[in-house]
Amino acid sequence: MTKWTPTHEAPEPLEGPVVPTITGGTVLWFVLFLVQLPFYGWFDDHGHAWWVWTCLAGGGLGLIGVWYVRKRDAAIKRARETGTA
C-alpha cells in the first residue's frame, strides 16, 4: 500500500465570531439549567436528574471556553500588531 498524499494545499481555516458563539452557547446551557431547576423533583423521580446537572456542567465548561477564546483572540491581536504572525 502506498501512502496517500494530497494533490492540493489545504484551505485556510475559517475564522468566525468565536467569542460571541461560545458566549451564546454558555448562556444557552445556563438558561436550560434554570428552566429545568423548578422541575428537579420530576426529573429525579423519573431518573433524569442528570439532565439538570449536565446543563450546569455545560455552563461551567462554557465559562472556561469563554475565558480561553478571549485570551486566544487577545493573543492573535497582539501578534498581528507586532507583526509576528
Protein backbone atom coordinates (compact mmCIF):
# COMPACT_ATOMS: atom_id res chain seq x y z
CA MET A 1 0.00 0.00 0.00
CA THR A 2 1.22 3.47 -0.77
CA LYS A 3 0.76 6.45 1.44
CA TRP A 4 -1.84 8.91 0.23
CA THR A 5 -0.60 12.44 -0.34
CA PRO A 6 -2.87 15.39 -1.09
CA THR A 7 -2.68 16.84 -4.57
CA HIS A 8 -3.58 20.37 -3.47
CA GLU A 9 -2.99 22.60 -0.49
CA ALA A 10 -5.46 22.64 2.37
CA PRO A 11 -7.72 25.71 2.51
CA GLU A 12 -7.24 28.34 5.18
CA PRO A 13 -9.22 27.65 8.37
CA LEU A 14 -12.49 29.53 8.71
CA GLU A 15 -12.43 32.20 11.38
CA GLY A 16 -15.73 33.46 12.60
CA PRO A 17 -17.08 35.30 15.62
CA VAL A 18 -15.71 32.78 18.11
CA VAL A 19 -16.25 34.71 21.36
CA PRO A 20 -19.95 35.51 20.70
CA THR A 21 -20.57 31.93 19.60
CA ILE A 22 -19.08 30.42 22.74
CA THR A 23 -20.77 33.03 24.92
CA GLY A 24 -24.14 32.31 23.32
CA GLY A 25 -23.73 28.58 23.87
CA THR A 26 -22.76 29.14 27.50
CA VAL A 27 -25.79 31.34 28.10
CA LEU A 28 -27.97 28.69 26.49
CA TRP A 29 -26.64 25.99 28.84
CA PHE A 30 -27.33 28.18 31.90
CA VAL A 31 -30.83 29.06 30.64
CA LEU A 32 -31.58 25.36 30.16
CA PHE A 33 -30.35 24.70 33.69
CA LEU A 34 -32.55 27.45 35.15
CA VAL A 35 -35.60 26.30 33.17
CA GLN A 36 -35.23 22.73 34.40
CA LEU A 37 -34.44 23.61 38.02
CA PRO A 38 -38.07 24.13 39.17
CA PHE A 39 -38.89 20.64 37.84
CA TYR A 40 -35.97 18.94 39.58
CA GLY A 41 -38.32 16.73 41.63
CA TRP A 42 -39.95 15.36 38.49
CA PHE A 43 -36.60 14.73 36.83
CA ASP A 44 -35.33 12.98 39.97
CA ASP A 45 -38.46 10.83 40.29
CA HIS A 46 -38.09 9.63 36.70
CA GLY A 47 -34.34 9.04 36.85
CA HIS A 48 -33.43 12.03 34.70
CA ALA A 49 -31.78 14.30 37.30
CA TRP A 50 -28.58 14.05 35.27
CA TRP A 51 -30.21 16.28 32.64
CA VAL A 52 -30.23 19.19 35.08
CA TRP A 53 -26.63 18.62 36.14
CA THR A 54 -25.49 18.19 32.54
CA CYS A 55 -26.79 21.69 31.76
CA LEU A 56 -24.96 23.11 34.77
CA ALA A 57 -21.74 21.34 33.72
CA GLY A 58 -22.16 22.67 30.17
CA GLY A 59 -22.49 26.19 31.50
CA GLY A 60 -19.45 25.80 33.73
CA LEU A 61 -17.33 24.40 30.92
CA GLY A 62 -18.64 27.17 28.69
CA LEU A 63 -17.24 29.74 31.14
CA ILE A 64 -13.83 28.11 30.76
CA GLY A 65 -14.33 28.22 26.99
CA VAL A 66 -15.20 31.93 27.04
CA TRP A 67 -12.08 32.65 29.09
CA TYR A 68 -9.96 30.61 26.68
CA VAL A 69 -11.24 32.15 23.43
CA ARG A 70 -10.97 35.68 24.81
CA LYS A 71 -7.32 35.05 25.72
CA ARG A 72 -6.77 33.49 22.28
CA ASP A 73 -8.29 36.46 20.46
CA ALA A 74 -6.17 38.87 22.52
CA ALA A 75 -3.02 36.88 21.68
CA ILE A 76 -3.90 36.88 17.97
CA LYS A 77 -4.44 40.66 18.01
CA ARG A 78 -1.13 41.21 19.82
CA ALA A 79 0.68 39.02 17.29
CA ARG A 80 -0.85 40.95 14.39
CA GLU A 81 0.13 44.29 15.91
CA THR A 82 3.73 43.24 16.47
CA GLY A 83 3.92 41.54 13.09
CA THR A 84 4.98 38.12 14.41
CA ALA A 85 2.10 36.25 12.82
